[in-house]
Amino acid sequence: MTCRSERKERYFKAGDRVVRTLTGTGLKDPDAVFRVSKAPVRVKADLRVREGIIKDIL
């Protein structure tokens, strides 16, 4: 079995936009999310950058 980080396929091209949808208690109602959240954060498609932002939030 190949580790995800070892795969050679590229599913996204430079410039593609990826949107992640969160689900769970209260998050299925977009209005509820926007009432309590800040503006969306744009980040580089780099795992370390995303991990750092999540750690800062938590």
C-alpha atoms as a PDB file:
ATOM      1  CA  MET A   1       0.000   0.000   0.000  1.00  0.00           C
ATOM      2  CA  THR A   2       1.329   3.445  -0.897  1.00  0.00           C
ATOM      3  CA  CYS A   3       1.429   6.191   1.703  1.00  0.00           C
ATOM      4  CA  ARG A   4      -0.595   9.245   0.711  1.00  0.00           C
ATOM      5  CA  SER A   5       2.526  11.450   0.774  1.00  0.00           C
ATOM      6  CA  GLU A   6       4.296   9.043  -1.598  1.00  0.00           C
ATOM      7  CA  ARG A   7       1.667   9.197  -4.331  1.00  0.00           C
ATOM      8  CA  LYS A   8       2.746  10.694  -7.614  1.00  0.00           C
ATOM      9  CA  GLU A   9      -0.727  11.697  -8.851  1.00  0.00           C
ATOM     10  CA  ARG A  10      -1.683  15.350  -8.782  1.00  0.00           C
ATOM     11  CA  TYR A  11      -5.403  15.878  -8.403  1.00  0.00           C
ATOM     12  CA  PHE A  12      -5.234  19.669  -8.378  1.00  0.00           C
ATOM     13  CA  LYS A  13      -3.516  22.037 -10.747  1.00  0.00           C
ATOM     14  CA  ALA A  14      -1.797  25.288  -9.818  1.00  0.00           C
ATOM     15  CA  GLY A  15      -4.479  27.906  -9.283  1.00  0.00           C
ATOM     16  CA  ASP A  16      -7.233  25.417  -8.398  1.00  0.00           C
ATOM     17  CA  ARG A  17      -9.363  26.359  -5.390  1.00  0.00           C
ATOM     18  CA  VAL A  18     -10.211  23.756  -2.774  1.00  0.00           C
ATOM     19  CA  VAL A  19     -13.114  24.350  -0.378  1.00  0.00           C
ATOM     20  CA  ARG A  20     -13.552  22.284   2.762  1.00  0.00           C
ATOM     21  CA  THR A  21     -16.999  21.842   4.265  1.00  0.00           C
ATOM     22  CA  LEU A  22     -17.246  21.157   7.970  1.00  0.00           C
ATOM     23  CA  THR A  23     -20.100  19.100   9.319  1.00  0.00           C
ATOM     24  CA  GLY A  24     -21.258  18.398  12.811  1.00  0.00           C
ATOM     25  CA  THR A  25     -23.442  19.863  15.492  1.00  0.00           C
ATOM     26  CA  GLY A  26     -24.548  23.320  14.423  1.00  0.00           C
ATOM     27  CA  LEU A  27     -22.304  23.451  11.385  1.00  0.00           C
ATOM     28  CA  LYS A  28     -24.913  22.258   8.912  1.00  0.00           C
ATOM     29  CA  ASP A  29     -26.650  25.628   9.258  1.00  0.00           C
ATOM     30  CA  PRO A  30     -24.437  28.117   7.396  1.00  0.00           C
ATOM     31  CA  ASP A  31     -26.155  31.094   9.020  1.00  0.00           C
ATOM     32  CA  ALA A  32     -25.253  29.782  12.486  1.00  0.00           C
ATOM     33  CA  VAL A  33     -21.626  29.415  11.440  1.00  0.00           C
ATOM     34  CA  PHE A  34     -21.397  32.943  10.030  1.00  0.00           C
ATOM     35  CA  ARG A  35     -22.972  34.455  13.158  1.00  0.00           C
ATOM     36  CA  VAL A  36     -20.136  33.170  15.345  1.00  0.00           C
ATOM     37  CA  SER A  37     -17.179  32.978  12.965  1.00  0.00           C
ATOM     38  CA  LYS A  38     -14.704  35.421  11.536  1.00  0.00           C
ATOM     39  CA  ALA A  39     -14.080  35.887   7.837  1.00  0.00           C
ATOM     40  CA  PRO A  40     -12.676  32.814   6.042  1.00  0.00           C
ATOM     41  CA  VAL A  41      -8.906  32.436   6.161  1.00  0.00           C
ATOM     42  CA  ARG A  42      -6.991  31.916   2.931  1.00  0.00           C
ATOM     43  CA  VAL A  43      -3.917  29.745   3.324  1.00  0.00           C
ATOM     44  CA  LYS A  44      -1.272  28.215   1.118  1.00  0.00           C
ATOM     45  CA  ALA A  45      -1.763  24.589   0.147  1.00  0.00           C
ATOM     46  CA  ASP A  46       0.979  23.594   2.534  1.00  0.00           C
ATOM     47  CA  LEU A  47       0.304  21.183   5.382  1.00  0.00           C
ATOM     48  CA  ARG A  48       2.690  22.920   7.791  1.00  0.00           C
ATOM     49  CA  VAL A  49       1.051  26.298   7.178  1.00  0.00           C
ATOM     50  CA  ARG A  50      -2.438  24.843   7.764  1.00  0.00           C
ATOM     51  CA  GLU A  51      -1.311  23.004  10.895  1.00  0.00           C
ATOM     52  CA  GLY A  52       0.178  26.224  12.273  1.00  0.00           C
ATOM     53  CA  ILE A  53      -3.045  28.143  11.711  1.00  0.00           C
ATOM     54  CA  ILE A  54      -5.113  25.438  13.383  1.00  0.00           C
ATOM     55  CA  LYS A  55      -2.741  25.347  16.363  1.00  0.00           C
ATOM     56  CA  ASP A  56      -2.995  29.141  16.687  1.00  0.00           C
ATOM     57  CA  ILE A  57      -6.792  28.918  16.741  1.00  0.00           C
ATOM     58  CA  LEU A  58      -6.872  26.148  19.333  1.00  0.00           C
END
